């Protein structure tokens, strides 16, 4: 190969490698994470597990100051933690905006430090964003709800940066699957569906 041809070949190889790197950088990650607090985490896993593109959900605690808290510590108050779920999803199959829609439609965003029959700071609703794109999407979706005036009340759901997330004890994970009868009794007694129907109408997702 002539010297000039060798140089051109090298340049083409470098350009091709750079192009591949650029394409790789632009591709969405294989998995992404979203974190939501919507009151009792038992009731928040099922709606997300039902979505195509959601890979897993984990019940846990976040937003507070105590490392590795227990359920009893969070329930007693004073840790600053809320019950939350962490959603791992495939962003090529489901968007963060869709996750936000499901989140909103499964909470009462007009009450502070409680959800349905549950009372306490650990039941405060919140969206924990993991990057600026999530923050922007969350703020936009909240602003749209506020502008709609649909609830006739202030939306008190918080939007805050995600911090350490501590998975809850094993018996809390997928509780609705492991203990369907106990879960259904709690779910029905808490009046969750009735309040969601009042807020969102009967089209509320399960």
N, C-alpha and C. Protein backbone atom coordinates (compact mmCIF):
# COMPACT_ATOMS: atom_id res chain seq x y z
N UNK A 1 0.85 -1.20 0.00
CA UNK A 1 0.00 0.00 0.00
C UNK A 1 0.88 1.24 0.00
N UNK A 2 0.55 2.22 -0.86
CA UNK A 2 1.31 3.46 -0.92
C UNK A 2 1.15 4.24 0.38
N UNK A 3 2.17 5.06 0.73
CA UNK A 3 2.10 5.83 1.98
C UNK A 3 0.83 6.65 2.10
N UNK A 4 0.42 7.32 0.98
CA UNK A 4 -0.77 8.15 1.05
C UNK A 4 -2.00 7.30 1.32
N UNK A 5 -2.07 6.15 0.69
CA UNK A 5 -3.21 5.27 0.91
C UNK A 5 -3.27 4.77 2.36
N UNK A 6 -2.05 4.49 2.91
CA UNK A 6 -2.01 4.05 4.30
C UNK A 6 -2.53 5.14 5.23
N UNK A 7 -2.15 6.39 4.95
CA UNK A 7 -2.60 7.51 5.79
C UNK A 7 -4.11 7.66 5.70
N UNK A 8 -4.63 7.59 4.44
CA UNK A 8 -6.07 7.71 4.26
C UNK A 8 -6.82 6.57 4.98
N UNK A 9 -6.25 5.38 4.89
CA UNK A 9 -6.88 4.23 5.54
C UNK A 9 -6.93 4.44 7.05
N UNK A 10 -5.80 4.98 7.60
CA UNK A 10 -5.76 5.25 9.04
C UNK A 10 -6.80 6.29 9.44
N UNK A 11 -6.92 7.36 8.64
CA UNK A 11 -7.88 8.43 8.93
C UNK A 11 -9.31 7.92 8.88
N UNK A 12 -9.59 7.07 7.88
CA UNK A 12 -10.92 6.50 7.78
C UNK A 12 -11.24 5.61 8.98
N UNK A 13 -10.25 4.86 9.42
CA UNK A 13 -10.45 3.99 10.58
C UNK A 13 -10.73 4.80 11.83
N UNK A 14 -9.96 5.89 12.01
CA UNK A 14 -10.17 6.76 13.17
C UNK A 14 -11.55 7.39 13.13
N UNK A 15 -11.94 7.87 11.93
CA UNK A 15 -13.25 8.50 11.78
C UNK A 15 -14.38 7.51 12.06
N UNK A 16 -14.20 6.30 11.56
CA UNK A 16 -15.23 5.28 11.79
C UNK A 16 -15.37 4.97 13.27
N UNK A 17 -14.21 4.87 13.94
CA UNK A 17 -14.24 4.59 15.39
C UNK A 17 -14.91 5.72 16.14
N UNK A 18 -14.61 6.96 15.75
CA UNK A 18 -15.22 8.12 16.40
C UNK A 18 -16.72 8.14 16.15
N UNK A 19 -17.11 7.78 14.92
CA UNK A 19 -18.54 7.74 14.60
C UNK A 19 -19.27 6.71 15.43
N UNK A 20 -18.67 5.56 15.60
CA UNK A 20 -19.28 4.52 16.42
C UNK A 20 -19.41 4.97 17.87
N UNK A 21 -18.37 5.65 18.35
CA UNK A 21 -18.40 6.14 19.73
C UNK A 21 -19.51 7.16 19.91
N UNK A 22 -19.68 8.03 18.90
CA UNK A 22 -20.73 9.04 18.98
C UNK A 22 -22.10 8.39 18.99
N UNK A 23 -22.29 7.39 18.10
CA UNK A 23 -23.57 6.70 18.07
C UNK A 23 -23.84 6.00 19.39
N UNK A 24 -22.81 5.38 19.97
CA UNK A 24 -22.97 4.69 21.24
C UNK A 24 -23.35 5.68 22.34
N UNK A 25 -22.73 6.87 22.30
CA UNK A 25 -23.02 7.87 23.33
C UNK A 25 -24.45 8.37 23.22
N UNK A 26 -25.00 8.39 21.98
CA UNK A 26 -26.34 8.92 21.77
C UNK A 26 -27.42 7.89 22.06
N UNK A 27 -27.07 6.62 22.10
CA UNK A 27 -28.05 5.59 22.36
C UNK A 27 -28.52 5.68 23.81
N UNK A 28 -29.83 5.46 24.06
CA UNK A 28 -30.31 5.48 25.44
C UNK A 28 -29.74 4.31 26.21
N UNK A 29 -29.64 4.45 27.54
CA UNK A 29 -29.12 3.34 28.34
C UNK A 29 -30.04 2.14 28.25
N UNK A 30 -29.47 0.96 28.46
CA UNK A 30 -30.28 -0.26 28.39
C UNK A 30 -31.35 -0.27 29.47
N UNK A 31 -31.02 0.27 30.65
CA UNK A 31 -32.00 0.39 31.72
C UNK A 31 -31.86 1.77 32.36
N UNK A 32 -32.96 2.25 32.90
CA UNK A 32 -32.98 3.51 33.61
C UNK A 32 -33.73 3.31 34.92
N UNK A 33 -33.61 4.28 35.82
CA UNK A 33 -34.22 4.16 37.14
C UNK A 33 -35.10 5.37 37.41
N UNK A 34 -36.27 5.11 37.96
CA UNK A 34 -37.17 6.16 38.42
C UNK A 34 -37.55 5.84 39.86
N UNK A 35 -37.73 6.87 40.67
CA UNK A 35 -38.08 6.68 42.08
C UNK A 35 -39.28 7.54 42.43
N UNK A 36 -40.30 6.89 43.01
CA UNK A 36 -41.55 7.58 43.34
C UNK A 36 -41.99 7.22 44.76
N UNK A 37 -42.52 8.19 45.47
CA UNK A 37 -43.16 7.96 46.76
C UNK A 37 -44.64 8.25 46.60
N UNK A 38 -45.46 7.24 46.82
CA UNK A 38 -46.90 7.39 46.62
C UNK A 38 -47.72 6.83 47.76
N UNK A 39 -47.19 6.98 48.98
CA UNK A 39 -47.86 6.36 50.11
C UNK A 39 -47.38 4.94 50.29
N UNK A 40 -48.25 4.08 50.78
CA UNK A 40 -47.87 2.69 51.07
C UNK A 40 -47.24 2.03 49.85
N UNK A 41 -46.01 1.55 50.03
CA UNK A 41 -45.31 0.98 48.87
C UNK A 41 -45.92 -0.33 48.41
N UNK A 42 -46.69 -1.00 49.28
CA UNK A 42 -47.38 -2.21 48.84
C UNK A 42 -48.27 -1.91 47.63
N UNK A 43 -48.93 -0.76 47.68
CA UNK A 43 -49.92 -0.42 46.65
C UNK A 43 -49.31 0.22 45.41
N UNK A 44 -48.05 0.60 45.47
CA UNK A 44 -47.45 1.30 44.34
C UNK A 44 -46.68 0.38 43.39
N UNK A 45 -46.33 -0.81 43.85
CA UNK A 45 -45.59 -1.71 42.97
C UNK A 45 -46.47 -2.25 41.83
N UNK A 46 -47.69 -2.66 42.16
CA UNK A 46 -48.54 -3.34 41.17
C UNK A 46 -48.80 -2.50 39.91
N UNK A 47 -49.14 -1.22 40.02
CA UNK A 47 -49.41 -0.45 38.79
C UNK A 47 -48.22 -0.36 37.85
N UNK A 48 -47.02 -0.32 38.41
CA UNK A 48 -45.82 -0.24 37.57
C UNK A 48 -45.40 -1.60 37.05
N UNK A 49 -45.57 -2.63 37.86
CA UNK A 49 -45.24 -3.98 37.40
C UNK A 49 -46.07 -4.37 36.18
N UNK A 50 -47.25 -3.80 36.05
CA UNK A 50 -48.15 -4.15 34.95
C UNK A 50 -47.76 -3.51 33.63
N UNK A 51 -46.79 -2.60 33.64
CA UNK A 51 -46.44 -1.85 32.43
C UNK A 51 -45.40 -2.57 31.59
N UNK A 52 -45.65 -2.65 30.30
CA UNK A 52 -44.65 -3.19 29.38
C UNK A 52 -43.45 -2.25 29.35
N UNK A 53 -42.28 -2.78 29.56
CA UNK A 53 -41.07 -1.97 29.59
C UNK A 53 -40.52 -1.77 30.98
N UNK A 54 -41.34 -2.02 31.99
CA UNK A 54 -40.84 -1.99 33.37
C UNK A 54 -40.20 -3.34 33.67
N UNK A 55 -38.96 -3.30 34.11
CA UNK A 55 -38.20 -4.53 34.34
C UNK A 55 -38.34 -5.03 35.77
N UNK A 56 -38.43 -4.12 36.73
CA UNK A 56 -38.58 -4.52 38.13
C UNK A 56 -38.99 -3.33 38.96
N UNK A 57 -39.59 -3.61 40.11
CA UNK A 57 -39.86 -2.58 41.10
C UNK A 57 -39.33 -3.05 42.45
N UNK A 58 -38.87 -2.12 43.24
CA UNK A 58 -38.34 -2.43 44.57
C UNK A 58 -38.95 -1.47 45.58
N UNK A 59 -39.54 -2.01 46.62
CA UNK A 59 -40.07 -1.19 47.71
C UNK A 59 -38.92 -0.80 48.63
N UNK A 60 -38.95 0.44 49.12
CA UNK A 60 -37.87 0.85 50.00
C UNK A 60 -38.12 2.20 50.65
N UNK A 61 -37.04 2.75 51.18
CA UNK A 61 -37.09 3.99 51.94
C UNK A 61 -36.07 4.97 51.36
N UNK A 62 -36.45 6.23 51.30
CA UNK A 62 -35.52 7.23 50.78
C UNK A 62 -35.93 8.62 51.27
N UNK A 63 -35.01 9.57 51.12
CA UNK A 63 -35.30 10.95 51.45
C UNK A 63 -34.90 11.37 52.85
N UNK A 64 -34.45 10.42 53.66
CA UNK A 64 -34.16 10.73 55.06
C UNK A 64 -32.69 10.76 55.39
N UNK A 65 -32.40 10.75 56.69
CA UNK A 65 -31.03 10.92 57.17
C UNK A 65 -30.43 9.65 57.76
N UNK A 66 -31.26 8.65 58.03
CA UNK A 66 -30.78 7.43 58.67
C UNK A 66 -30.41 6.39 57.64
N UNK A 67 -29.19 5.87 57.74
CA UNK A 67 -28.75 4.83 56.81
C UNK A 67 -29.36 3.49 57.19
N UNK A 68 -29.74 2.73 56.18
CA UNK A 68 -30.27 1.38 56.36
C UNK A 68 -31.39 1.32 57.41
N UNK A 69 -32.42 2.12 57.24
CA UNK A 69 -33.50 2.12 58.23
C UNK A 69 -34.34 0.86 58.15
N UNK A 70 -34.99 0.54 59.25
CA UNK A 70 -35.94 -0.57 59.26
C UNK A 70 -37.35 -0.01 59.09
N UNK A 71 -38.27 -0.90 58.80
CA UNK A 71 -39.67 -0.49 58.65
C UNK A 71 -40.18 0.14 59.95
N UNK A 72 -39.81 -0.45 61.07
CA UNK A 72 -40.26 0.07 62.36
C UNK A 72 -39.73 1.47 62.61
N UNK A 73 -38.47 1.72 62.23
CA UNK A 73 -37.88 3.06 62.42
C UNK A 73 -38.56 4.09 61.54
N UNK A 74 -38.82 3.74 60.30
CA UNK A 74 -39.47 4.68 59.40
C UNK A 74 -40.90 4.94 59.85
N UNK A 75 -41.59 3.90 60.28
CA UNK A 75 -42.97 4.03 60.72
C UNK A 75 -43.09 4.89 61.97
N UNK A 76 -42.07 4.85 62.81
CA UNK A 76 -42.10 5.62 64.06
C UNK A 76 -41.91 7.11 63.82
N UNK A 77 -41.42 7.49 62.63
CA UNK A 77 -41.18 8.90 62.32
C UNK A 77 -39.81 9.32 62.81
N UNK A 78 -39.38 10.48 62.34
CA UNK A 78 -38.11 11.03 62.80
C UNK A 78 -36.92 10.69 61.92
N UNK A 79 -37.07 9.75 60.98
CA UNK A 79 -35.95 9.41 60.10
C UNK A 79 -35.90 10.32 58.88
N UNK A 80 -37.03 10.95 58.55
CA UNK A 80 -37.11 11.77 57.34
C UNK A 80 -37.38 10.96 56.09
N UNK A 81 -37.40 9.64 56.22
CA UNK A 81 -37.63 8.78 55.06
C UNK A 81 -39.11 8.68 54.72
N UNK A 82 -39.38 8.42 53.46
CA UNK A 82 -40.73 8.09 53.00
C UNK A 82 -40.70 6.68 52.43
N UNK A 83 -41.87 6.04 52.43
CA UNK A 83 -41.99 4.78 51.72
C UNK A 83 -42.01 5.10 50.23
N UNK A 84 -41.22 4.38 49.46
CA UNK A 84 -41.08 4.68 48.04
C UNK A 84 -40.86 3.40 47.25
N UNK A 85 -40.92 3.53 45.95
CA UNK A 85 -40.55 2.41 45.08
C UNK A 85 -39.53 2.90 44.07
N UNK A 86 -38.62 2.01 43.73
CA UNK A 86 -37.65 2.28 42.69
C UNK A 86 -38.01 1.41 41.48
N UNK A 87 -38.16 2.05 40.35
CA UNK A 87 -38.60 1.38 39.13
C UNK A 87 -37.44 1.30 38.16
N UNK A 88 -37.08 0.09 37.76
CA UNK A 88 -36.09 -0.09 36.70
C UNK A 88 -36.84 -0.38 35.40
N UNK A 89 -36.50 0.37 34.37
CA UNK A 89 -37.27 0.25 33.13
C UNK A 89 -36.37 0.38 31.91
N UNK A 90 -36.90 -0.08 30.79
CA UNK A 90 -36.22 0.01 29.50
C UNK A 90 -36.73 1.25 28.78
N UNK A 91 -35.92 2.30 28.67
CA UNK A 91 -36.41 3.55 28.07
C UNK A 91 -36.69 3.46 26.58
N UNK A 92 -36.30 2.35 25.94
CA UNK A 92 -36.66 2.18 24.54
C UNK A 92 -38.07 1.59 24.40
N UNK A 93 -38.63 1.12 25.51
CA UNK A 93 -39.96 0.51 25.48
C UNK A 93 -41.01 1.33 26.23
N UNK A 94 -40.59 2.11 27.18
CA UNK A 94 -41.52 2.94 27.93
C UNK A 94 -40.82 4.23 28.32
N UNK A 95 -41.54 5.33 28.23
CA UNK A 95 -40.93 6.63 28.52
C UNK A 95 -41.10 7.01 29.99
N UNK A 96 -40.25 7.92 30.43
CA UNK A 96 -40.38 8.46 31.78
C UNK A 96 -41.69 9.22 31.92
N UNK A 97 -42.13 9.89 30.87
CA UNK A 97 -43.41 10.60 30.91
C UNK A 97 -44.56 9.64 31.19
N UNK A 98 -44.50 8.45 30.61
CA UNK A 98 -45.54 7.46 30.87
C UNK A 98 -45.51 7.01 32.33
N UNK A 99 -44.32 6.84 32.88
CA UNK A 99 -44.21 6.48 34.30
C UNK A 99 -44.79 7.58 35.18
N UNK A 100 -44.54 8.82 34.83
CA UNK A 100 -45.11 9.94 35.59
C UNK A 100 -46.63 9.90 35.55
N UNK A 101 -47.19 9.61 34.38
CA UNK A 101 -48.64 9.56 34.25
C UNK A 101 -49.23 8.51 35.18
N UNK A 102 -48.61 7.33 35.22
CA UNK A 102 -49.10 6.25 36.08
C UNK A 102 -48.92 6.63 37.55
N UNK A 103 -47.82 7.28 37.88
CA UNK A 103 -47.60 7.73 39.25
C UNK A 103 -48.72 8.67 39.70
N UNK A 104 -48.96 9.73 38.92
CA UNK A 104 -49.98 10.71 39.31
C UNK A 104 -51.34 10.05 39.49
N UNK A 105 -51.68 9.15 38.61
CA UNK A 105 -53.02 8.56 38.64
C UNK A 105 -53.19 7.52 39.73
N UNK A 106 -52.17 7.27 40.50
CA UNK A 106 -52.27 6.32 41.60
C UNK A 106 -52.03 6.97 42.95
N UNK A 107 -52.07 8.29 43.00
CA UNK A 107 -51.90 9.00 44.27
C UNK A 107 -52.95 10.09 44.41
N UNK A 108 -53.06 10.61 45.63
CA UNK A 108 -53.82 11.83 45.89
C UNK A 108 -52.77 12.93 46.10
N UNK A 109 -52.56 13.79 45.11
CA UNK A 109 -51.48 14.78 45.21
C UNK A 109 -51.86 16.03 46.00
N UNK A 110 -53.05 16.02 46.59
CA UNK A 110 -53.54 17.23 47.26
C UNK A 110 -53.39 17.19 48.77
N UNK A 111 -52.89 16.09 49.32
CA UNK A 111 -52.79 15.98 50.79
C UNK A 111 -51.33 15.83 51.20
N UNK A 112 -51.01 16.35 52.37
CA UNK A 112 -49.64 16.34 52.85
C UNK A 112 -49.49 15.35 54.00
N UNK A 113 -48.38 14.62 53.97
CA UNK A 113 -48.03 13.69 55.04
C UNK A 113 -49.10 12.61 55.28
N UNK A 114 -49.75 12.22 54.23
CA UNK A 114 -50.69 11.10 54.32
C UNK A 114 -51.09 10.68 52.91
N UNK A 115 -51.62 9.46 52.83
CA UNK A 115 -52.23 8.97 51.60
C UNK A 115 -53.34 8.01 52.00
N UNK A 116 -54.56 8.39 51.62
CA UNK A 116 -55.72 7.54 51.87
C UNK A 116 -55.85 7.29 53.38
N UNK A 117 -55.85 6.04 53.84
CA UNK A 117 -56.04 5.80 55.27
C UNK A 117 -54.75 5.90 56.07
N UNK A 118 -53.64 6.06 55.42
CA UNK A 118 -52.35 6.07 56.11
C UNK A 118 -51.94 7.50 56.46
N UNK A 119 -51.50 7.70 57.70
CA UNK A 119 -51.11 9.01 58.18
C UNK A 119 -49.66 8.97 58.66
N UNK A 120 -48.93 10.06 58.39
CA UNK A 120 -47.55 10.15 58.84
C UNK A 120 -46.66 10.71 57.74
N UNK A 121 -45.53 11.30 58.14
CA UNK A 121 -44.62 11.91 57.17
C UNK A 121 -44.05 10.89 56.20
N UNK A 122 -44.02 9.62 56.61
CA UNK A 122 -43.48 8.58 55.72
C UNK A 122 -44.38 8.31 54.52
N UNK A 123 -45.58 8.90 54.51
CA UNK A 123 -46.51 8.71 53.40
C UNK A 123 -46.63 9.94 52.51
N UNK A 124 -45.74 10.91 52.71
CA UNK A 124 -45.72 12.08 51.82
C UNK A 124 -45.40 11.65 50.39
N UNK A 125 -46.12 12.21 49.43
CA UNK A 125 -45.85 11.87 48.04
C UNK A 125 -44.69 12.70 47.50
N UNK A 126 -43.91 12.10 46.62
CA UNK A 126 -42.75 12.79 46.06
C UNK A 126 -42.27 12.09 44.81
N UNK A 127 -41.65 12.88 43.95
CA UNK A 127 -40.93 12.36 42.78
C UNK A 127 -39.46 12.64 43.01
N UNK A 128 -38.64 11.61 43.00
CA UNK A 128 -37.20 11.76 43.20
C UNK A 128 -36.52 11.63 41.84
N UNK A 129 -36.00 12.73 41.33
CA UNK A 129 -35.42 12.70 39.99
C UNK A 129 -33.95 12.29 40.04
N UNK A 130 -33.53 11.58 38.99
CA UNK A 130 -32.16 11.07 38.92
C UNK A 130 -31.27 11.86 37.97
N UNK A 131 -31.85 12.72 37.17
CA UNK A 131 -31.06 13.58 36.29
C UNK A 131 -31.90 14.78 35.90
N UNK A 132 -31.32 15.69 35.15
CA UNK A 132 -32.01 16.92 34.81
C UNK A 132 -33.20 16.67 33.89
N UNK A 133 -33.09 15.67 33.04
CA UNK A 133 -34.21 15.35 32.15
C UNK A 133 -35.42 14.90 32.97
N UNK A 134 -35.20 14.07 33.98
CA UNK A 134 -36.30 13.65 34.84
C UNK A 134 -36.86 14.83 35.64
N UNK A 135 -35.98 15.69 36.14
CA UNK A 135 -36.45 16.85 36.90
C UNK A 135 -37.36 17.72 36.03
N UNK A 136 -36.91 18.00 34.81
CA UNK A 136 -37.68 18.83 33.90
C UNK A 136 -39.03 18.20 33.58
N UNK A 137 -39.03 16.89 33.31
CA UNK A 137 -40.27 16.20 32.99
C UNK A 137 -41.23 16.21 34.17
N UNK A 138 -40.70 15.99 35.37
CA UNK A 138 -41.54 15.97 36.57
C UNK A 138 -42.15 17.34 36.83
N UNK A 139 -41.34 18.39 36.72
CA UNK A 139 -41.85 19.75 36.95
C UNK A 139 -42.88 20.14 35.91
N UNK A 140 -42.65 19.71 34.67
CA UNK A 140 -43.60 20.01 33.60
C UNK A 140 -44.94 19.31 33.85
N UNK A 141 -44.89 18.06 34.25
CA UNK A 141 -46.13 17.31 34.47
C UNK A 141 -46.89 17.88 35.66
N UNK A 142 -46.18 18.28 36.71
CA UNK A 142 -46.85 18.89 37.87
C UNK A 142 -47.48 20.21 37.49
N UNK A 143 -46.77 21.02 36.70
CA UNK A 143 -47.29 22.32 36.27
C UNK A 143 -48.56 22.15 35.43
N UNK A 144 -48.58 21.11 34.60
CA UNK A 144 -49.77 20.86 33.77
C UNK A 144 -50.97 20.52 34.64
N UNK A 145 -50.75 19.72 35.67
CA UNK A 145 -51.84 19.39 36.58
C UNK A 145 -52.33 20.63 37.32
N UNK A 146 -51.40 21.45 37.77
CA UNK A 146 -51.78 22.68 38.48
C UNK A 146 -52.58 23.60 37.57
N UNK A 147 -52.16 23.74 36.33
CA UNK A 147 -52.87 24.62 35.39
C UNK A 147 -54.28 24.10 35.08
N UNK A 148 -54.44 22.79 35.12
CA UNK A 148 -55.74 22.21 34.79
C UNK A 148 -56.80 22.59 35.81
N UNK A 149 -56.37 22.83 37.06
CA UNK A 149 -57.32 23.16 38.11
C UNK A 149 -58.31 22.04 38.40
N UNK A 150 -57.96 20.83 38.02
CA UNK A 150 -58.89 19.70 38.11
C UNK A 150 -59.27 19.36 39.55
N UNK A 151 -58.39 19.63 40.50
CA UNK A 151 -58.63 19.19 41.87
C UNK A 151 -59.19 20.28 42.77
N UNK A 152 -59.09 21.53 42.35
CA UNK A 152 -59.53 22.62 43.19
C UNK A 152 -58.72 22.74 44.46
N UNK A 153 -57.48 22.27 44.42
CA UNK A 153 -56.60 22.30 45.59
C UNK A 153 -55.15 22.36 45.12
N UNK A 154 -54.30 22.79 46.02
CA UNK A 154 -52.87 22.87 45.71
C UNK A 154 -52.28 21.46 45.62
N UNK A 155 -51.40 21.25 44.66
CA UNK A 155 -50.69 19.97 44.55
C UNK A 155 -49.45 20.04 45.43
N UNK A 156 -49.38 19.17 46.43
CA UNK A 156 -48.31 19.24 47.42
C UNK A 156 -47.23 18.18 47.20
N UNK A 157 -47.35 17.39 46.16
CA UNK A 157 -46.32 16.39 45.85
C UNK A 157 -45.00 17.08 45.60
N UNK A 158 -43.95 16.61 46.25
CA UNK A 158 -42.64 17.24 46.15
C UNK A 158 -41.84 16.67 44.97
N UNK A 159 -40.95 17.49 44.44
CA UNK A 159 -40.01 17.05 43.41
C UNK A 159 -38.62 17.36 43.93
N UNK A 160 -37.86 16.31 44.22
CA UNK A 160 -36.56 16.48 44.87
C UNK A 160 -35.53 15.55 44.24
N UNK A 161 -34.27 15.91 44.39
CA UNK A 161 -33.19 15.08 43.85
C UNK A 161 -33.13 13.74 44.58
N UNK A 162 -32.91 12.69 43.82
CA UNK A 162 -32.80 11.36 44.41
C UNK A 162 -31.53 11.25 45.24
N UNK A 163 -31.65 10.58 46.36
CA UNK A 163 -30.51 10.29 47.21
C UNK A 163 -30.43 8.79 47.42
N UNK A 164 -29.76 8.36 48.49
CA UNK A 164 -29.67 6.92 48.75
C UNK A 164 -31.04 6.28 48.89
N UNK A 165 -31.18 5.12 48.30
CA UNK A 165 -32.43 4.36 48.37
C UNK A 165 -32.12 3.05 49.08
N UNK A 166 -32.89 2.77 50.13
CA UNK A 166 -32.65 1.57 50.93
C UNK A 166 -33.80 0.58 50.73
N UNK A 167 -33.53 -0.55 50.08
CA UNK A 167 -34.61 -1.53 49.87
C UNK A 167 -35.23 -1.96 51.19
N UNK A 168 -36.54 -2.10 51.19
CA UNK A 168 -37.25 -2.56 52.37
C UNK A 168 -36.99 -4.05 52.60
N UNK A 169 -37.42 -4.51 53.74
CA UNK A 169 -37.27 -5.90 54.12
C UNK A 169 -37.93 -6.82 53.07
N UNK A 170 -37.42 -8.03 52.97
CA UNK A 170 -37.88 -8.96 51.93
C UNK A 170 -39.39 -9.15 51.95
N UNK A 171 -39.99 -9.20 53.15
CA UNK A 171 -41.42 -9.51 53.19
C UNK A 171 -42.28 -8.39 52.61
N UNK A 172 -41.69 -7.20 52.43
CA UNK A 172 -42.42 -6.10 51.80
C UNK A 172 -42.36 -6.15 50.27
N UNK A 173 -41.36 -6.84 49.75
CA UNK A 173 -41.20 -6.87 48.29
C UNK A 173 -42.30 -7.70 47.64
N UNK A 174 -42.94 -7.13 46.61
CA UNK A 174 -44.03 -7.84 45.90
C UNK A 174 -45.09 -8.36 46.86
N UNK A 175 -45.40 -7.56 47.87
CA UNK A 175 -46.34 -8.01 48.90
C UNK A 175 -47.68 -8.39 48.30
N UNK A 176 -48.10 -7.65 47.29
CA UNK A 176 -49.41 -7.93 46.69
C UNK A 176 -49.45 -9.29 46.01
N UNK A 177 -48.30 -9.81 45.62
CA UNK A 177 -48.23 -11.15 45.02
C UNK A 177 -48.07 -12.24 46.07
N UNK A 178 -47.26 -11.96 47.07
CA UNK A 178 -46.97 -12.97 48.09
C UNK A 178 -48.14 -13.17 49.05
N UNK A 179 -48.87 -12.09 49.32
CA UNK A 179 -49.96 -12.15 50.30
C UNK A 179 -51.22 -11.51 49.70
N UNK A 180 -51.77 -12.10 48.66
CA UNK A 180 -52.87 -11.45 47.93
C UNK A 180 -54.11 -11.17 48.78
N UNK A 181 -54.47 -12.08 49.68
CA UNK A 181 -55.67 -11.87 50.47
C UNK A 181 -55.47 -10.73 51.48
N UNK A 182 -54.34 -10.75 52.18
CA UNK A 182 -54.07 -9.69 53.15
C UNK A 182 -53.93 -8.35 52.44
N UNK A 183 -53.26 -8.36 51.30
CA UNK A 183 -53.10 -7.12 50.54
C UNK A 183 -54.46 -6.57 50.10
N UNK A 184 -55.34 -7.43 49.60
CA UNK A 184 -56.63 -6.97 49.10
C UNK A 184 -57.48 -6.42 50.23
N UNK A 185 -57.43 -7.05 51.41
CA UNK A 185 -58.19 -6.54 52.55
C UNK A 185 -57.72 -5.14 52.93
N UNK A 186 -56.40 -4.97 52.99
CA UNK A 186 -55.86 -3.65 53.32
C UNK A 186 -56.22 -2.63 52.25
N UNK A 187 -56.04 -3.01 51.00
CA UNK A 187 -56.30 -2.11 49.87
C UNK A 187 -57.75 -1.64 49.87
N UNK A 188 -58.68 -2.57 50.10
CA UNK A 188 -60.10 -2.23 50.08
C UNK A 188 -60.47 -1.37 51.28
N UNK A 189 -59.97 -1.74 52.47
CA UNK A 189 -60.31 -1.00 53.69
C UNK A 189 -59.76 0.42 53.68
N UNK A 190 -58.70 0.63 52.94
CA UNK A 190 -58.04 1.94 52.93
C UNK A 190 -58.78 2.96 52.07
N UNK A 191 -59.72 2.52 51.26
CA UNK A 191 -60.49 3.44 50.43
C UNK A 191 -59.70 4.05 49.29
N UNK A 192 -58.68 3.36 48.88
CA UNK A 192 -57.80 3.90 47.84
C UNK A 192 -58.53 4.06 46.50
N UNK A 193 -59.21 3.03 46.07
CA UNK A 193 -59.87 3.08 44.77
C UNK A 193 -60.95 4.16 44.73
N UNK A 194 -61.72 4.27 45.82
CA UNK A 194 -62.79 5.26 45.86
C UNK A 194 -62.25 6.68 45.72
N UNK A 195 -61.18 6.98 46.44
CA UNK A 195 -60.61 8.32 46.37
C UNK A 195 -59.98 8.57 44.99
N UNK A 196 -59.32 7.58 44.42
CA UNK A 196 -58.75 7.76 43.09
C UNK A 196 -59.83 7.99 42.05
N UNK A 197 -60.96 7.31 42.20
CA UNK A 197 -62.07 7.55 41.27
C UNK A 197 -62.60 8.97 41.40
N UNK A 198 -62.64 9.49 42.62
CA UNK A 198 -63.09 10.87 42.83
C UNK A 198 -62.15 11.86 42.14
N UNK A 199 -60.85 11.56 42.24
CA UNK A 199 -59.85 12.50 41.70
C UNK A 199 -59.72 12.39 40.19
N UNK A 200 -59.66 11.16 39.69
CA UNK A 200 -59.28 10.92 38.31
C UNK A 200 -60.36 10.33 37.45
N UNK A 201 -61.44 9.86 38.05
CA UNK A 201 -62.47 9.19 37.28
C UNK A 201 -62.23 7.69 37.25
N UNK A 202 -63.17 6.97 36.73
CA UNK A 202 -63.09 5.51 36.76
C UNK A 202 -62.09 4.93 35.78
N UNK A 203 -61.42 5.78 35.00
CA UNK A 203 -60.41 5.29 34.07
C UNK A 203 -59.06 5.10 34.74
N UNK A 204 -59.01 5.34 36.06
CA UNK A 204 -57.76 5.19 36.78
C UNK A 204 -57.17 3.80 36.56
N UNK A 205 -55.88 3.71 36.17
CA UNK A 205 -55.26 2.38 36.00
C UNK A 205 -55.25 1.63 37.32
N UNK A 206 -55.19 0.30 37.29
CA UNK A 206 -55.16 -0.50 38.53
C UNK A 206 -53.87 -0.25 39.30
